[in-house]
N, C-alpha and C. Protein backbone atom coordinates (compact mmCIF):
# COMPACT_ATOMS: atom_id res chain seq x y z
N MET A 1 -6.16 0.97 23.03
CA MET A 1 -7.48 0.04 23.29
C MET A 1 -7.16 -1.35 23.61
N LYS A 2 -7.94 -1.91 24.51
CA LYS A 2 -7.48 -3.25 24.86
C LYS A 2 -8.77 -4.18 24.41
N ILE A 3 -8.38 -5.26 23.80
CA ILE A 3 -9.38 -6.14 23.31
C ILE A 3 -8.96 -7.53 23.93
N THR A 4 -10.04 -8.30 24.58
CA THR A 4 -9.76 -9.45 25.18
C THR A 4 -10.76 -10.41 24.36
N TYR A 5 -10.26 -11.64 24.34
CA TYR A 5 -11.18 -12.78 23.82
C TYR A 5 -10.62 -14.10 24.31
N VAL A 6 -11.66 -15.16 24.18
CA VAL A 6 -11.21 -16.54 24.49
C VAL A 6 -11.41 -17.44 23.29
N LEU A 7 -10.53 -18.27 22.86
CA LEU A 7 -10.90 -19.22 22.02
C LEU A 7 -11.06 -20.63 22.62
N LEU A 8 -11.97 -21.37 22.26
CA LEU A 8 -12.25 -22.63 22.98
C LEU A 8 -12.14 -23.82 21.75
N ASN A 9 -11.51 -24.68 21.95
CA ASN A 9 -11.32 -25.92 21.06
C ASN A 9 -12.33 -26.97 21.54
N LYS A 10 -13.55 -26.96 21.00
CA LYS A 10 -14.46 -28.05 21.53
C LYS A 10 -14.31 -29.30 20.75
N GLY A 11 -13.38 -29.34 19.87
CA GLY A 11 -13.23 -30.57 19.09
C GLY A 11 -12.41 -31.68 19.73
N GLN A 12 -12.25 -32.70 19.06
CA GLN A 12 -11.40 -33.92 19.52
C GLN A 12 -10.05 -33.89 19.11
N MET A 13 -9.68 -33.03 18.18
CA MET A 13 -8.45 -32.86 17.57
C MET A 13 -7.57 -31.62 18.14
N ASP A 14 -6.31 -31.81 18.26
CA ASP A 14 -5.60 -30.68 18.71
C ASP A 14 -5.19 -29.90 17.37
N ASN A 15 -5.15 -28.52 17.65
CA ASN A 15 -4.63 -27.58 16.51
C ASN A 15 -3.76 -26.67 17.34
N GLU A 16 -3.80 -25.33 17.03
CA GLU A 16 -3.10 -24.29 17.86
C GLU A 16 -3.53 -24.36 19.16
N ILE A 17 -4.72 -24.72 19.53
CA ILE A 17 -5.26 -24.92 20.88
C ILE A 17 -5.53 -26.33 21.02
N PRO A 18 -5.05 -26.96 22.20
CA PRO A 18 -5.27 -28.37 22.49
C PRO A 18 -6.72 -28.70 22.57
N ALA A 19 -7.16 -29.82 22.18
CA ALA A 19 -8.72 -30.30 22.28
C ALA A 19 -9.04 -30.01 23.76
N GLY A 20 -10.31 -29.49 23.92
CA GLY A 20 -10.98 -29.28 25.27
C GLY A 20 -10.46 -28.03 26.08
N GLN A 21 -9.37 -27.32 25.61
CA GLN A 21 -8.77 -26.20 26.20
C GLN A 21 -9.34 -24.92 25.73
N ALA A 22 -9.28 -23.92 26.60
CA ALA A 22 -9.58 -22.44 26.21
C ALA A 22 -8.48 -21.68 26.49
N TRP A 23 -8.15 -20.85 25.50
CA TRP A 23 -6.98 -19.93 25.66
C TRP A 23 -7.53 -18.46 25.73
N LYS A 24 -6.97 -17.51 26.47
CA LYS A 24 -7.45 -16.19 26.38
C LYS A 24 -6.42 -15.28 25.91
N TRP A 25 -6.73 -14.29 25.06
CA TRP A 25 -5.87 -13.43 24.49
C TRP A 25 -6.24 -11.90 25.09
N ILE A 26 -5.05 -11.22 25.41
CA ILE A 26 -5.28 -9.77 25.74
C ILE A 26 -4.50 -9.02 24.93
N LEU A 27 -5.10 -8.27 24.13
CA LEU A 27 -4.39 -7.35 23.17
C LEU A 27 -4.48 -5.83 23.32
N HIS A 28 -3.32 -5.17 23.31
CA HIS A 28 -3.37 -3.69 23.49
C HIS A 28 -3.01 -3.25 22.13
N LEU A 29 -3.90 -2.39 21.52
CA LEU A 29 -3.66 -1.95 20.21
C LEU A 29 -3.44 -0.30 20.25
N GLU A 30 -2.49 0.08 19.33
CA GLU A 30 -2.16 1.58 19.36
C GLU A 30 -2.91 2.21 18.28
N HIS A 31 -3.25 1.56 17.24
CA HIS A 31 -3.67 2.35 15.99
C HIS A 31 -5.06 1.70 15.52
N GLU A 32 -5.77 2.46 14.96
CA GLU A 32 -7.10 1.96 14.37
C GLU A 32 -7.07 0.76 13.49
N PHE A 33 -6.11 0.94 12.49
CA PHE A 33 -6.02 -0.11 11.51
C PHE A 33 -5.68 -1.58 11.98
N GLU A 34 -5.11 -1.52 13.26
CA GLU A 34 -4.75 -2.85 13.85
C GLU A 34 -6.06 -3.71 13.98
N ILE A 35 -7.14 -3.06 14.28
CA ILE A 35 -8.41 -3.74 14.55
C ILE A 35 -8.70 -4.71 13.49
N ASP A 36 -8.67 -4.21 12.24
CA ASP A 36 -8.92 -5.03 11.07
C ASP A 36 -8.01 -6.24 11.00
N LEU A 37 -6.86 -5.93 11.19
CA LEU A 37 -5.77 -6.95 11.06
C LEU A 37 -5.96 -8.13 12.16
N VAL A 38 -6.45 -7.61 13.45
CA VAL A 38 -6.70 -8.53 14.52
C VAL A 38 -7.95 -9.39 14.27
N PHE A 39 -9.01 -8.67 13.63
CA PHE A 39 -10.19 -9.54 13.51
C PHE A 39 -10.12 -10.36 12.22
N GLN A 40 -9.30 -10.03 11.29
CA GLN A 40 -9.18 -10.84 10.09
C GLN A 40 -8.38 -12.02 10.60
N ASN A 41 -7.32 -12.00 11.42
CA ASN A 41 -6.61 -13.12 12.02
C ASN A 41 -7.47 -14.05 12.79
N LEU A 42 -8.36 -13.36 13.68
CA LEU A 42 -9.29 -13.98 14.51
C LEU A 42 -10.17 -14.87 13.62
N LYS A 43 -10.88 -14.26 12.62
CA LYS A 43 -11.90 -14.99 11.79
C LYS A 43 -11.08 -16.19 11.18
N GLN A 44 -9.83 -16.01 10.81
CA GLN A 44 -9.20 -17.16 10.13
C GLN A 44 -8.88 -18.21 11.08
N LYS A 45 -8.54 -17.88 12.43
CA LYS A 45 -8.28 -18.91 13.42
C LYS A 45 -9.49 -19.74 13.60
N ILE A 46 -10.68 -19.02 13.65
CA ILE A 46 -11.81 -19.58 14.12
C ILE A 46 -12.30 -20.66 13.00
N SER A 47 -12.28 -20.24 11.76
CA SER A 47 -12.81 -21.16 10.56
C SER A 47 -11.83 -22.19 10.32
N SER A 48 -10.44 -21.99 10.49
CA SER A 48 -9.46 -23.15 10.14
C SER A 48 -9.48 -24.16 11.35
N GLY A 49 -9.52 -23.59 12.47
CA GLY A 49 -9.24 -24.41 13.55
C GLY A 49 -10.51 -25.06 14.21
N LYS A 50 -11.69 -24.64 13.72
CA LYS A 50 -12.85 -25.07 14.15
C LYS A 50 -13.00 -24.75 15.73
N LEU A 51 -12.80 -23.52 16.03
CA LEU A 51 -12.80 -22.93 17.38
C LEU A 51 -14.00 -22.14 17.69
N THR A 52 -14.30 -21.96 18.84
CA THR A 52 -15.42 -21.18 19.37
C THR A 52 -14.94 -19.89 19.99
N LEU A 53 -15.46 -18.71 19.62
CA LEU A 53 -15.20 -17.55 20.21
C LEU A 53 -16.02 -17.20 21.34
N LEU A 54 -15.33 -16.91 22.49
CA LEU A 54 -16.03 -16.62 23.86
C LEU A 54 -15.50 -15.39 24.32
N ASN A 55 -16.40 -14.59 25.06
CA ASN A 55 -16.23 -13.45 25.90
C ASN A 55 -15.40 -12.38 25.15
N LEU A 56 -15.78 -11.99 23.97
CA LEU A 56 -15.10 -10.81 23.21
C LEU A 56 -15.45 -9.64 24.03
N GLN A 57 -14.39 -8.77 24.37
CA GLN A 57 -14.62 -7.56 25.16
C GLN A 57 -13.74 -6.42 24.58
N ILE A 58 -14.24 -5.39 24.38
CA ILE A 58 -13.50 -4.18 23.86
C ILE A 58 -13.52 -3.04 25.07
N ASP A 59 -12.29 -2.79 25.44
CA ASP A 59 -12.21 -1.87 26.74
C ASP A 59 -12.64 -0.42 26.19
N GLN A 60 -13.75 0.00 26.56
CA GLN A 60 -14.34 1.31 26.04
C GLN A 60 -13.85 2.37 26.77
N GLN A 61 -13.25 2.19 27.97
CA GLN A 61 -12.83 3.34 28.80
C GLN A 61 -11.70 4.24 28.11
N PHE A 62 -10.85 3.62 27.35
CA PHE A 62 -9.72 4.18 26.65
C PHE A 62 -9.82 4.25 25.16
N ALA A 63 -11.08 4.02 24.61
CA ALA A 63 -11.31 4.03 23.17
C ALA A 63 -12.22 5.10 22.75
N SER A 64 -11.91 5.82 21.70
CA SER A 64 -12.68 6.70 21.14
C SER A 64 -13.99 6.08 20.34
N ASP A 65 -15.01 6.88 20.20
CA ASP A 65 -16.22 6.21 19.50
C ASP A 65 -15.77 5.78 18.10
N TYR A 66 -14.88 6.58 17.44
CA TYR A 66 -14.43 6.09 16.16
C TYR A 66 -13.85 4.52 16.17
N PHE A 67 -12.94 4.46 17.19
CA PHE A 67 -12.31 3.26 17.36
C PHE A 67 -13.27 2.08 17.61
N LEU A 68 -14.24 2.37 18.41
CA LEU A 68 -15.23 1.43 18.71
C LEU A 68 -16.21 1.07 17.53
N ASN A 69 -16.56 2.14 16.72
CA ASN A 69 -17.20 1.84 15.58
C ASN A 69 -16.51 0.92 14.55
N LEU A 70 -15.10 1.23 14.41
CA LEU A 70 -14.27 0.42 13.61
C LEU A 70 -14.48 -1.08 14.06
N ALA A 71 -14.17 -1.24 15.37
CA ALA A 71 -14.18 -2.66 15.88
C ALA A 71 -15.53 -3.29 15.70
N CYS A 72 -16.56 -2.67 15.77
CA CYS A 72 -18.00 -3.28 15.52
C CYS A 72 -18.12 -3.57 14.08
N LYS A 73 -17.72 -2.88 13.05
CA LYS A 73 -17.71 -3.13 11.67
C LYS A 73 -16.85 -4.15 11.32
N ALA A 74 -15.54 -4.34 11.89
CA ALA A 74 -14.64 -5.27 11.48
C ALA A 74 -15.00 -6.63 11.98
N PHE A 75 -15.81 -6.80 12.98
CA PHE A 75 -16.04 -8.07 13.47
C PHE A 75 -17.56 -8.13 13.91
N ASN A 76 -18.36 -8.94 13.01
CA ASN A 76 -19.77 -9.02 13.30
C ASN A 76 -20.19 -10.43 13.32
N GLU A 77 -19.29 -11.28 13.86
CA GLU A 77 -19.60 -12.82 14.06
C GLU A 77 -20.26 -13.09 15.36
N PRO A 78 -20.99 -14.22 15.48
CA PRO A 78 -21.44 -14.46 16.83
C PRO A 78 -20.46 -14.72 17.90
N VAL A 79 -20.75 -14.35 18.96
CA VAL A 79 -19.88 -14.53 20.19
C VAL A 79 -20.73 -15.16 21.36
N THR A 80 -20.12 -16.12 22.07
CA THR A 80 -20.67 -16.78 23.11
C THR A 80 -20.01 -16.18 24.42
N TYR A 81 -20.86 -15.90 25.36
CA TYR A 81 -20.29 -15.36 26.68
C TYR A 81 -20.63 -16.38 27.72
N ASP A 82 -19.49 -16.82 28.33
CA ASP A 82 -19.47 -17.77 29.40
C ASP A 82 -18.27 -17.50 30.46
N GLU A 83 -18.67 -17.04 31.67
CA GLU A 83 -17.61 -16.67 32.63
C GLU A 83 -17.01 -17.84 33.38
N PHE A 84 -17.66 -18.92 33.13
CA PHE A 84 -17.27 -20.13 33.90
C PHE A 84 -16.40 -21.06 33.23
N VAL A 85 -16.03 -20.79 31.90
CA VAL A 85 -15.07 -21.70 31.22
C VAL A 85 -13.77 -21.51 31.78
N PRO A 86 -13.07 -22.69 32.04
CA PRO A 86 -11.69 -22.66 32.55
C PRO A 86 -10.71 -22.30 31.62
N ILE A 87 -9.83 -21.31 31.87
CA ILE A 87 -8.92 -20.84 30.96
C ILE A 87 -7.48 -21.66 31.19
N SER A 88 -7.01 -22.25 30.16
CA SER A 88 -5.74 -23.08 30.44
C SER A 88 -4.56 -22.27 30.15
N ARG A 89 -4.63 -21.08 29.25
CA ARG A 89 -3.48 -20.25 28.97
C ARG A 89 -3.84 -18.74 28.66
N ILE A 90 -3.15 -17.92 29.16
CA ILE A 90 -3.42 -16.44 28.88
C ILE A 90 -2.28 -15.91 28.24
N ILE A 91 -2.55 -15.10 26.93
CA ILE A 91 -1.45 -14.56 26.17
C ILE A 91 -1.86 -13.19 26.19
N SER A 92 -0.90 -12.32 26.55
CA SER A 92 -0.99 -10.93 26.53
C SER A 92 0.00 -10.23 25.69
N THR A 93 -0.55 -9.43 24.79
CA THR A 93 0.52 -8.78 23.78
C THR A 93 0.09 -7.33 23.69
N HIS A 94 1.24 -6.51 23.47
CA HIS A 94 1.03 -5.17 23.23
C HIS A 94 1.65 -4.81 21.82
N THR A 95 0.73 -4.49 20.95
CA THR A 95 1.20 -4.33 19.50
C THR A 95 1.73 -2.91 19.35
N GLU A 96 2.97 -2.86 18.80
CA GLU A 96 3.53 -1.65 18.32
C GLU A 96 3.87 -1.70 16.81
N THR A 97 3.27 -0.94 16.10
CA THR A 97 3.54 -1.01 14.75
C THR A 97 4.92 -0.37 14.37
N ASP A 98 5.59 -0.95 13.50
CA ASP A 98 6.79 -0.48 13.04
C ASP A 98 6.51 0.17 11.50
N PHE A 99 6.54 1.59 11.58
CA PHE A 99 6.19 2.17 10.31
C PHE A 99 7.56 2.29 9.46
N SER A 100 8.53 1.73 9.73
CA SER A 100 9.73 1.82 8.94
C SER A 100 9.57 0.80 7.64
N ASP A 101 8.81 -0.25 7.80
CA ASP A 101 8.47 -1.21 6.65
C ASP A 101 6.98 -0.68 6.03
N GLN A 102 6.89 0.50 5.49
CA GLN A 102 5.47 0.91 5.00
C GLN A 102 4.93 0.04 3.90
N SER A 103 5.92 -0.56 3.10
CA SER A 103 5.48 -1.30 1.86
C SER A 103 4.66 -2.53 2.34
N ASN A 104 5.13 -3.22 3.44
CA ASN A 104 4.45 -4.37 3.89
C ASN A 104 3.17 -4.02 4.64
N ILE A 105 3.07 -2.96 5.35
CA ILE A 105 1.86 -2.51 6.03
C ILE A 105 0.94 -2.10 4.97
N SER A 106 1.31 -1.47 3.99
CA SER A 106 0.50 -0.78 2.84
C SER A 106 -0.11 -2.01 2.33
N LYS A 107 0.29 -3.05 2.11
CA LYS A 107 -0.33 -4.15 1.36
C LYS A 107 -1.49 -4.68 2.19
N ARG A 108 -1.47 -4.53 3.52
CA ARG A 108 -2.40 -5.15 4.38
C ARG A 108 -3.66 -4.21 4.72
N LEU A 109 -3.63 -2.89 4.26
CA LEU A 109 -4.57 -1.88 4.61
C LEU A 109 -5.62 -1.52 3.38
N SER A 110 -6.66 -1.15 3.87
CA SER A 110 -7.64 -0.71 2.90
C SER A 110 -7.36 0.69 2.43
N PRO A 111 -7.86 1.23 1.23
CA PRO A 111 -7.54 2.59 0.81
C PRO A 111 -7.89 3.60 1.86
N SER A 112 -9.08 3.59 2.55
CA SER A 112 -9.37 4.40 3.64
C SER A 112 -8.32 4.44 4.76
N GLN A 113 -7.92 3.23 5.14
CA GLN A 113 -6.88 3.09 6.26
C GLN A 113 -5.68 3.81 5.84
N LYS A 114 -5.17 3.62 4.56
CA LYS A 114 -3.96 4.13 4.07
C LYS A 114 -4.02 5.67 4.12
N GLN A 115 -5.22 6.14 3.73
CA GLN A 115 -5.54 7.72 3.81
C GLN A 115 -5.44 8.16 5.25
N SER A 116 -5.88 7.48 6.31
CA SER A 116 -5.86 8.13 7.46
C SER A 116 -4.59 8.07 8.02
N LEU A 117 -3.74 7.18 7.67
CA LEU A 117 -2.25 7.10 8.13
C LEU A 117 -1.31 7.83 7.13
N LYS A 118 -1.92 8.25 5.96
CA LYS A 118 -1.04 8.94 5.05
C LYS A 118 0.18 8.18 4.47
N ILE A 119 -0.17 6.80 4.14
CA ILE A 119 0.88 6.05 3.58
C ILE A 119 0.88 5.85 2.10
């Protein structure tokens, strides 16, 4: 599944994203539980950095209905859509989970996620 979003720093102070800039993330996820981790991280970035979330998109072409439902439940915050905001930086990642460190992964998952992965 591919998830893309833009974070805009409308403030006067620099943080992870410099003031006045918008950065775009393109994430390629392999497993369902990664959605929760991505959105928890995103919520934390938004609240701690006083950032605005723009243009959240979930590529539905390669996602199952189950995957999409998880995404909708994991993130239900307001999103602004603006195709004209200039992007200062694009960050593309492909997440591959290393299951060799199951104890670390297990701490971050809910019981239902653990059950689905049989951890």
